[in-house]
Amino acid sequence: MTKLEKIQTEISELPEADVAQLRAWLDELAEQQLDEQIERDAAAGKFDDMMAEALANHNAGRRRPL
């Protein structure tokens, strides 16, 4: 049995309240990891072209209210 399978078995045996608490923690972890990935991507310049295009469209009047 793999480590993941052991964890899955343990989770399946948890009371509902503990599963809800685990789910909330996993959601927070996923959000934190996404934020960190976005920060790494921004620092690496992965959004520079997108930002330049957005600013060019804005300056050219090609925009609409949200």
PDB file of N, CA and C in Angstrom:
ATOM      1  N   MET A   1       0.850  -1.178   0.000  1.00  0.00           N
ATOM      2  CA  MET A   1       0.000   0.000   0.000  1.00  0.00           C
ATOM      3  C   MET A   1       0.899   1.247   0.000  1.00  0.00           C
ATOM      4  N   THR A   2       0.610   2.184  -0.884  1.00  0.00           N
ATOM      5  CA  THR A   2       1.398   3.406  -0.968  1.00  0.00           C
ATOM      6  C   THR A   2       1.044   4.354   0.176  1.00  0.00           C
ATOM      7  N   LYS A   3       1.889   5.338   0.361  1.00  0.00           N
ATOM      8  CA  LYS A   3       1.644   6.343   1.396  1.00  0.00           C
ATOM      9  C   LYS A   3       0.308   7.045   1.156  1.00  0.00           C
ATOM     10  N   LEU A   4       0.047   7.379  -0.123  1.00  0.00           N
ATOM     11  CA  LEU A   4      -1.211   8.041  -0.459  1.00  0.00           C
ATOM     12  C   LEU A   4      -2.409   7.147  -0.142  1.00  0.00           C
ATOM     13  N   GLU A   5      -2.313   5.880  -0.468  1.00  0.00           N
ATOM     14  CA  GLU A   5      -3.415   4.959  -0.168  1.00  0.00           C
ATOM     15  C   GLU A   5      -3.653   4.859   1.332  1.00  0.00           C
ATOM     16  N   LYS A   6      -2.593   4.869   2.119  1.00  0.00           N
ATOM     17  CA  LYS A   6      -2.740   4.842   3.576  1.00  0.00           C
ATOM     18  C   LYS A   6      -3.457   6.094   4.070  1.00  0.00           C
ATOM     19  N   ILE A   7      -3.057   7.233   3.527  1.00  0.00           N
ATOM     20  CA  ILE A   7      -3.697   8.494   3.918  1.00  0.00           C
ATOM     21  C   ILE A   7      -5.172   8.472   3.536  1.00  0.00           C
ATOM     22  N   GLN A   8      -5.471   8.002   2.330  1.00  0.00           N
ATOM     23  CA  GLN A   8      -6.865   7.937   1.884  1.00  0.00           C
ATOM     24  C   GLN A   8      -7.691   7.035   2.794  1.00  0.00           C
ATOM     25  N   THR A   9      -7.113   5.918   3.196  1.00  0.00           N
ATOM     26  CA  THR A   9      -7.823   5.006   4.099  1.00  0.00           C
ATOM     27  C   THR A   9      -8.089   5.689   5.433  1.00  0.00           C
ATOM     28  N   GLU A  10      -7.075   6.356   5.957  1.00  0.00           N
ATOM     29  CA  GLU A  10      -7.234   7.060   7.236  1.00  0.00           C
ATOM     30  C   GLU A  10      -8.311   8.142   7.129  1.00  0.00           C
ATOM     31  N   ILE A  11      -8.288   8.895   6.047  1.00  0.00           N
ATOM     32  CA  ILE A  11      -9.282   9.955   5.866  1.00  0.00           C
ATOM     33  C   ILE A  11     -10.683   9.380   5.791  1.00  0.00           C
ATOM     34  N   SER A  12     -10.837   8.265   5.110  1.00  0.00           N
ATOM     35  CA  SER A  12     -12.167   7.667   4.967  1.00  0.00           C
ATOM     36  C   SER A  12     -12.741   7.213   6.305  1.00  0.00           C
ATOM     37  N   GLU A  13     -11.882   7.055   7.293  1.00  0.00           N
ATOM     38  CA  GLU A  13     -12.330   6.606   8.608  1.00  0.00           C
ATOM     39  C   GLU A  13     -12.527   7.766   9.590  1.00  0.00           C
ATOM     40  N   LEU A  14     -12.265   8.984   9.155  1.00  0.00           N
ATOM     41  CA  LEU A  14     -12.419  10.145  10.022  1.00  0.00           C
ATOM     42  C   LEU A  14     -13.892  10.522  10.195  1.00  0.00           C
ATOM     43  N   PRO A  15     -14.226  11.112  11.334  1.00  0.00           N
ATOM     44  CA  PRO A  15     -15.582  11.657  11.498  1.00  0.00           C
ATOM     45  C   PRO A  15     -15.790  12.830  10.526  1.00  0.00           C
ATOM     46  N   GLU A  16     -17.039  13.108  10.201  1.00  0.00           N
ATOM     47  CA  GLU A  16     -17.366  14.153   9.233  1.00  0.00           C
ATOM     48  C   GLU A  16     -16.762  15.498   9.611  1.00  0.00           C
ATOM     49  N   ALA A  17     -16.786  15.834  10.874  1.00  0.00           N
ATOM     50  CA  ALA A  17     -16.254  17.123  11.314  1.00  0.00           C
ATOM     51  C   ALA A  17     -14.758  17.220  11.018  1.00  0.00           C
ATOM     52  N   ASP A  18     -14.040  16.147  11.212  1.00  0.00           N
ATOM     53  CA  ASP A  18     -12.610  16.153  10.925  1.00  0.00           C
ATOM     54  C   ASP A  18     -12.338  16.240   9.430  1.00  0.00           C
ATOM     55  N   VAL A  19     -13.178  15.592   8.639  1.00  0.00           N
ATOM     56  CA  VAL A  19     -13.038  15.668   7.184  1.00  0.00           C
ATOM     57  C   VAL A  19     -13.275  17.111   6.730  1.00  0.00           C
ATOM     58  N   ALA A  20     -14.267  17.772   7.307  1.00  0.00           N
ATOM     59  CA  ALA A  20     -14.544  19.169   6.968  1.00  0.00           C
ATOM     60  C   ALA A  20     -13.353  20.057   7.336  1.00  0.00           C
ATOM     61  N   GLN A  21     -12.770  19.800   8.481  1.00  0.00           N
ATOM     62  CA  GLN A  21     -11.605  20.573   8.912  1.00  0.00           C
ATOM     63  C   GLN A  21     -10.420  20.314   7.973  1.00  0.00           C
ATOM     64  N   LEU A  22     -10.222  19.087   7.582  1.00  0.00           N
ATOM     65  CA  LEU A  22      -9.155  18.728   6.648  1.00  0.00           C
ATOM     66  C   LEU A  22      -9.385  19.391   5.300  1.00  0.00           C
ATOM     67  N   ARG A  23     -10.623  19.373   4.834  1.00  0.00           N
ATOM     68  CA  ARG A  23     -10.955  19.993   3.552  1.00  0.00           C
ATOM     69  C   ARG A  23     -10.633  21.490   3.586  1.00  0.00           C
ATOM     70  N   ALA A  24     -10.982  22.150   4.681  1.00  0.00           N
ATOM     71  CA  ALA A  24     -10.695  23.578   4.811  1.00  0.00           C
ATOM     72  C   ALA A  24      -9.184  23.823   4.782  1.00  0.00           C
ATOM     73  N   TRP A  25      -8.431  22.979   5.468  1.00  0.00           N
ATOM     74  CA  TRP A  25      -6.978  23.117   5.481  1.00  0.00           C
ATOM     75  C   TRP A  25      -6.401  22.895   4.082  1.00  0.00           C
ATOM     76  N   LEU A  26      -6.895  21.897   3.376  1.00  0.00           N
ATOM     77  CA  LEU A  26      -6.422  21.632   2.017  1.00  0.00           C
ATOM     78  C   LEU A  26      -6.752  22.789   1.080  1.00  0.00           C
ATOM     79  N   ASP A  27      -7.924  23.390   1.255  1.00  0.00           N
ATOM     80  CA  ASP A  27      -8.294  24.555   0.447  1.00  0.00           C
ATOM     81  C   ASP A  27      -7.322  25.706   0.698  1.00  0.00           C
ATOM     82  N   GLU A  28      -7.007  25.956   1.969  1.00  0.00           N
ATOM     83  CA  GLU A  28      -6.058  27.016   2.311  1.00  0.00           C
ATOM     84  C   GLU A  28      -4.673  26.717   1.731  1.00  0.00           C
ATOM     85  N   LEU A  29      -4.252  25.473   1.819  1.00  0.00           N
ATOM     86  CA  LEU A  29      -2.958  25.073   1.276  1.00  0.00           C
ATOM     87  C   LEU A  29      -2.918  25.291  -0.232  1.00  0.00           C
ATOM     88  N   ALA A  30      -3.971  24.913  -0.923  1.00  0.00           N
ATOM     89  CA  ALA A  30      -4.038  25.091  -2.376  1.00  0.00           C
ATOM     90  C   ALA A  30      -3.981  26.571  -2.746  1.00  0.00           C
ATOM     91  N   GLU A  31      -4.680  27.408  -1.992  1.00  0.00           N
ATOM     92  CA  GLU A  31      -4.659  28.846  -2.250  1.00  0.00           C
ATOM     93  C   GLU A  31      -3.261  29.415  -2.033  1.00  0.00           C
ATOM     94  N   GLN A  32      -2.613  28.981  -0.973  1.00  0.00           N
ATOM     95  CA  GLN A  32      -1.254  29.443  -0.673  1.00  0.00           C
ATOM     96  C   GLN A  32      -0.289  29.019  -1.780  1.00  0.00           C
ATOM     97  N   GLN A  33      -0.403  27.785  -2.234  1.00  0.00           N
ATOM     98  CA  GLN A  33       0.475  27.292  -3.291  1.00  0.00           C
ATOM     99  C   GLN A  33       0.229  28.048  -4.597  1.00  0.00           C
ATOM    100  N   LEU A  34      -1.024  28.358  -4.895  1.00  0.00           N
ATOM    101  CA  LEU A  34      -1.341  29.117  -6.098  1.00  0.00           C
ATOM    102  C   LEU A  34      -0.760  30.526  -6.003  1.00  0.00           C
ATOM    103  N   ASP A  35      -0.924  31.171  -4.851  1.00  0.00           N
ATOM    104  CA  ASP A  35      -0.355  32.500  -4.656  1.00  0.00           C
ATOM    105  C   ASP A  35       1.157  32.484  -4.862  1.00  0.00           C
ATOM    106  N   GLU A  36       1.822  31.468  -4.317  1.00  0.00           N
ATOM    107  CA  GLU A  36       3.270  31.357  -4.461  1.00  0.00           C
ATOM    108  C   GLU A  36       3.663  31.141  -5.926  1.00  0.00           C
ATOM    109  N   GLN A  37       2.886  30.347  -6.656  1.00  0.00           N
ATOM    110  CA  GLN A  37       3.165  30.112  -8.072  1.00  0.00           C
ATOM    111  C   GLN A  37       3.000  31.395  -8.869  1.00  0.00           C
ATOM    112  N   ILE A  38       1.948  32.153  -8.571  1.00  0.00           N
ATOM    113  CA  ILE A  38       1.719  33.422  -9.266  1.00  0.00           C
ATOM    114  C   ILE A  38       2.874  34.377  -8.992  1.00  0.00           C
ATOM    115  N   GLU A  39       3.339  34.435  -7.739  1.00  0.00           N
ATOM    116  CA  GLU A  39       4.469  35.301  -7.397  1.00  0.00           C
ATOM    117  C   GLU A  39       5.725  34.883  -8.162  1.00  0.00           C
ATOM    118  N   ARG A  40       5.982  33.578  -8.251  1.00  0.00           N
ATOM    119  CA  ARG A  40       7.155  33.100  -9.000  1.00  0.00           C
ATOM    120  C   ARG A  40       7.028  33.448 -10.483  1.00  0.00           C
ATOM    121  N   ASP A  41       5.835  33.252 -11.038  1.00  0.00           N
ATOM    122  CA  ASP A  41       5.610  33.556 -12.446  1.00  0.00           C
ATOM    123  C   ASP A  41       5.775  35.056 -12.717  1.00  0.00           C
ATOM    124  N   ALA A  42       5.250  35.880 -11.816  1.00  0.00           N
ATOM    125  CA  ALA A  42       5.379  37.337 -11.981  1.00  0.00           C
ATOM    126  C   ALA A  42       6.844  37.754 -11.907  1.00  0.00           C
ATOM    127  N   ALA A  43       7.570  37.205 -10.956  1.00  0.00           N
ATOM    128  CA  ALA A  43       8.989  37.536 -10.814  1.00  0.00           C
ATOM    129  C   ALA A  43       9.787  37.090 -12.032  1.00  0.00           C
ATOM    130  N   ALA A  44       9.347  36.035 -12.684  1.00  0.00           N
ATOM    131  CA  ALA A  44      10.039  35.516 -13.870  1.00  0.00           C
ATOM    132  C   ALA A  44       9.613  36.249 -15.143  1.00  0.00           C
ATOM    133  N   GLY A  45       8.681  37.202 -15.012  1.00  0.00           N
ATOM    134  CA  GLY A  45       8.260  37.982 -16.167  1.00  0.00           C
ATOM    135  C   GLY A  45       7.224  37.319 -17.045  1.00  0.00           C
ATOM    136  N   LYS A  46       6.590  36.283 -16.549  1.00  0.00           N
ATOM    137  CA  LYS A  46       5.636  35.556 -17.382  1.00  0.00           C
ATOM    138  C   LYS A  46       4.373  36.354 -17.711  1.00  0.00           C
ATOM    139  N   PHE A  47       4.118  37.438 -16.969  1.00  0.00           N
ATOM    140  CA  PHE A  47       2.918  38.236 -17.207  1.00  0.00           C
ATOM    141  C   PHE A  47       3.225  39.542 -17.935  1.00  0.00           C
ATOM    142  N   ASP A  48       4.496  39.778 -18.235  1.00  0.00           N
ATOM    143  CA  ASP A  48       4.891  41.056 -18.816  1.00  0.00           C
ATOM    144  C   ASP A  48       4.199  41.329 -20.151  1.00  0.00           C
ATOM    145  N   ASP A  49       4.161  40.355 -21.036  1.00  0.00           N
ATOM    146  CA  ASP A  49       3.520  40.555 -22.342  1.00  0.00           C
ATOM    147  C   ASP A  49       2.027  40.813 -22.193  1.00  0.00           C
ATOM    148  N   MET A  50       1.389  40.084 -21.288  1.00  0.00           N
ATOM    149  CA  MET A  50      -0.040  40.259 -21.058  1.00  0.00           C
ATOM    150  C   MET A  50      -0.328  41.665 -20.516  1.00  0.00           C
ATOM    151  N   MET A  51       0.511  42.106 -19.589  1.00  0.00           N
ATOM    152  CA  MET A  51       0.332  43.436 -18.998  1.00  0.00           C
ATOM    153  C   MET A  51       0.561  44.524 -20.046  1.00  0.00           C
ATOM    154  N   ALA A  52       1.572  44.359 -20.878  1.00  0.00           N
ATOM    155  CA  ALA A  52       1.835  45.343 -21.923  1.00  0.00           C
ATOM    156  C   ALA A  52       0.661  45.437 -22.890  1.00  0.00           C
ATOM    157  N   GLU A  53       0.092  44.294 -23.240  1.00  0.00           N
ATOM    158  CA  GLU A  53      -1.061  44.294 -24.137  1.00  0.00           C
ATOM    159  C   GLU A  53      -2.263  44.973 -23.487  1.00  0.00           C
ATOM    160  N   ALA A  54      -2.494  44.681 -22.223  1.00  0.00           N
ATOM    161  CA  ALA A  54      -3.618  45.296 -21.508  1.00  0.00           C
ATOM    162  C   ALA A  54      -3.444  46.806 -21.418  1.00  0.00           C
ATOM    163  N   LEU A  55      -2.234  47.268 -21.116  1.00  0.00           N
ATOM    164  CA  LEU A  55      -1.988  48.710 -21.040  1.00  0.00           C
ATOM    165  C   LEU A  55      -2.137  49.376 -22.402  1.00  0.00           C
ATOM    166  N   ALA A  56      -1.665  48.697 -23.458  1.00  0.00           N
ATOM    167  CA  ALA A  56      -1.805  49.244 -24.802  1.00  0.00           C
ATOM    168  C   ALA A  56      -3.282  49.373 -25.170  1.00  0.00           C
ATOM    169  N   ASN A  57      -4.072  48.379 -24.864  1.00  0.00           N
ATOM    170  CA  ASN A  57      -5.515  48.433 -25.138  1.00  0.00           C
ATOM    171  C   ASN A  57      -6.172  49.540 -24.332  1.00  0.00           C
ATOM    172  N   HIS A  58      -5.797  49.671 -23.076  1.00  0.00           N
ATOM    173  CA  HIS A  58      -6.353  50.715 -22.227  1.00  0.00           C
ATOM    174  C   HIS A  58      -6.014  52.096 -22.797  1.00  0.00           C
ATOM    175  N   ASN A  59      -4.744  52.297 -23.118  1.00  0.00           N
ATOM    176  CA  ASN A  59      -4.302  53.597 -23.641  1.00  0.00           C
ATOM    177  C   ASN A  59      -4.935  53.907 -24.992  1.00  0.00           C
ATOM    178  N   ALA A  60      -5.294  52.903 -25.756  1.00  0.00           N
ATOM    179  CA  ALA A  60      -5.932  53.100 -27.055  1.00  0.00           C
ATOM    180  C   ALA A  60      -7.452  53.253 -26.943  1.00  0.00           C
ATOM    181  N   GLY A  61      -7.958  53.189 -25.706  1.00  0.00           N
ATOM    182  CA  GLY A  61      -9.395  53.350 -25.499  1.00  0.00           C
ATOM    183  C   GLY A  61     -10.197  52.087 -25.723  1.00  0.00           C
ATOM    184  N   ARG A  62      -9.511  50.973 -25.889  1.00  0.00           N
ATOM    185  CA  ARG A  62     -10.219  49.699 -26.084  1.00  0.00           C
ATOM    186  C   ARG A  62     -10.425  49.040 -24.710  1.00  0.00           C
ATOM    187  N   ARG A  63     -11.451  49.516 -24.045  1.00  0.00           N
ATOM    188  CA  ARG A  63     -11.764  48.981 -22.716  1.00  0.00           C
ATOM    189  C   ARG A  63     -13.251  49.136 -22.469  1.00  0.00           C
ATOM    190  N   ARG A  64     -13.710  48.412 -21.480  1.00  0.00           N
ATOM    191  CA  ARG A  64     -15.112  48.533 -21.106  1.00  0.00           C
ATOM    192  C   ARG A  64     -15.199  48.398 -19.588  1.00  0.00           C
ATOM    193  N   PRO A  65     -16.208  49.000 -18.984  1.00  0.00           N
ATOM    194  CA  PRO A  65     -16.351  48.883 -17.522  1.00  0.00           C
ATOM    195  C   PRO A  65     -16.649  47.458 -17.109  1.00  0.00           C
ATOM    196  N   LEU A  66     -16.186  47.127 -15.947  1.00  0.00           N
ATOM    197  CA  LEU A  66     -16.443  45.780 -15.429  1.00  0.00           C
ATOM    198  C   LEU A  66     -17.828  45.688 -14.850  1.00  0.00           C
TER     199      LEU A  66
END
